[in-house]
């Protein structure tokens, strides 16, 4: 992974930054595209998000649920019950 300083940006009063045009063009960033914000060891990293299909997303969620011993079926049942009560 190569690291290159591209520019220095300032945070606005709303907490916004402007990604320099040369960086947006280099990375192919488009207006409205979502970026993942990661904080690590006192740094802020912006990463392009990957577009996942529903099946890919479900597979990733299932893997994480298994790792953390989460009963997904129970959570779904609780969510459905909550939605029914909320009507």
Protein backbone atom coordinates (compact mmCIF):
# COMPACT_ATOMS: atom_id res chain seq x y z
CA UNK A 1 0.00 0.00 0.00
CA UNK A 2 1.56 3.27 -1.08
CA UNK A 3 0.86 6.44 0.81
CA UNK A 4 1.09 9.85 -0.77
CA UNK A 5 0.27 13.24 0.71
CA UNK A 6 -2.10 14.89 -1.74
CA UNK A 7 -3.19 18.08 -0.01
CA UNK A 8 -4.22 19.62 3.31
CA UNK A 9 -7.93 20.22 3.92
CA UNK A 10 -9.80 22.21 6.55
CA UNK A 11 -12.86 21.06 8.48
CA UNK A 12 -15.86 23.37 8.09
CA UNK A 13 -18.09 24.48 10.97
CA UNK A 14 -20.43 21.64 9.92
CA UNK A 15 -17.63 19.06 10.18
CA UNK A 16 -17.29 18.76 6.40
CA UNK A 17 -14.14 18.50 4.31
CA UNK A 18 -13.57 18.91 0.59
CA UNK A 19 -11.72 16.07 -1.09
CA UNK A 20 -9.40 17.72 -3.63
CA UNK A 21 -10.48 17.36 -7.26
CA UNK A 22 -7.21 15.63 -8.24
CA UNK A 23 -7.86 12.95 -5.59
CA UNK A 24 -11.53 12.52 -6.61
CA UNK A 25 -10.46 12.09 -10.23
CA UNK A 26 -7.59 9.74 -9.40
CA UNK A 27 -9.89 7.48 -7.34
CA UNK A 28 -12.92 7.83 -9.62
CA UNK A 29 -15.13 9.28 -6.87
CA UNK A 30 -18.53 10.47 -8.05
CA UNK A 31 -20.96 12.96 -6.53
CA UNK A 32 -23.20 11.20 -4.01
CA UNK A 33 -20.89 8.21 -3.66
CA UNK A 34 -20.59 6.93 -0.09
CA UNK A 35 -17.26 6.56 1.68
CA UNK A 36 -16.47 4.45 4.70
CA UNK A 37 -15.03 6.52 7.58
CA UNK A 38 -12.56 4.60 9.76
CA UNK A 39 -10.71 5.91 12.81
CA UNK A 40 -7.48 4.10 13.67
CA UNK A 41 -4.61 5.04 15.95
CA UNK A 42 -5.47 8.75 15.91
CA UNK A 43 -6.00 8.82 12.14
CA UNK A 44 -9.10 9.18 9.97
CA UNK A 45 -9.22 7.02 6.86
CA UNK A 46 -11.74 7.37 4.05
CA UNK A 47 -12.31 4.25 1.98
CA UNK A 48 -14.36 3.68 -1.12
CA UNK A 49 -17.21 1.32 -0.41
CA UNK A 50 -17.65 -1.81 -2.45
CA UNK A 51 -21.03 -2.39 -4.01
CA UNK A 52 -22.34 -5.67 -2.67
CA UNK A 53 -25.26 -7.73 -3.83
CA UNK A 54 -27.87 -8.67 -1.26
CA UNK A 55 -26.51 -12.23 -1.33
CA UNK A 56 -22.94 -11.01 -0.64
CA UNK A 57 -24.16 -8.82 2.20
CA UNK A 58 -26.22 -11.65 3.71
CA UNK A 59 -23.20 -13.96 3.54
CA UNK A 60 -20.98 -11.42 5.33
CA UNK A 61 -23.60 -10.77 8.01
CA UNK A 62 -24.12 -14.48 8.57
CA UNK A 63 -20.37 -15.04 8.96
CA UNK A 64 -20.13 -12.24 11.54
CA UNK A 65 -23.19 -13.53 13.39
CA UNK A 66 -21.67 -17.00 13.61
CA UNK A 67 -18.37 -15.56 14.86
CA UNK A 68 -20.17 -13.65 17.59
CA UNK A 69 -22.61 -16.46 18.41
CA UNK A 70 -25.64 -14.33 17.48
CA UNK A 71 -28.97 -16.06 16.81
CA UNK A 72 -30.04 -14.30 13.62
CA UNK A 73 -33.38 -16.12 13.42
CA UNK A 74 -34.25 -14.91 16.91
CA UNK A 75 -33.37 -11.31 16.00
CA UNK A 76 -35.50 -11.52 12.84
CA UNK A 77 -38.44 -12.95 14.81
CA UNK A 78 -38.12 -10.14 17.37
CA UNK A 79 -37.97 -7.52 14.61
CA UNK A 80 -41.07 -8.92 12.91
CA UNK A 81 -42.93 -8.99 16.23
CA UNK A 82 -41.87 -5.40 16.97
CA UNK A 83 -43.04 -4.28 13.50
CA UNK A 84 -46.43 -5.96 14.00
CA UNK A 85 -46.92 -4.28 17.39
CA UNK A 86 -45.92 -0.90 15.96
CA UNK A 87 -48.75 -0.83 13.39
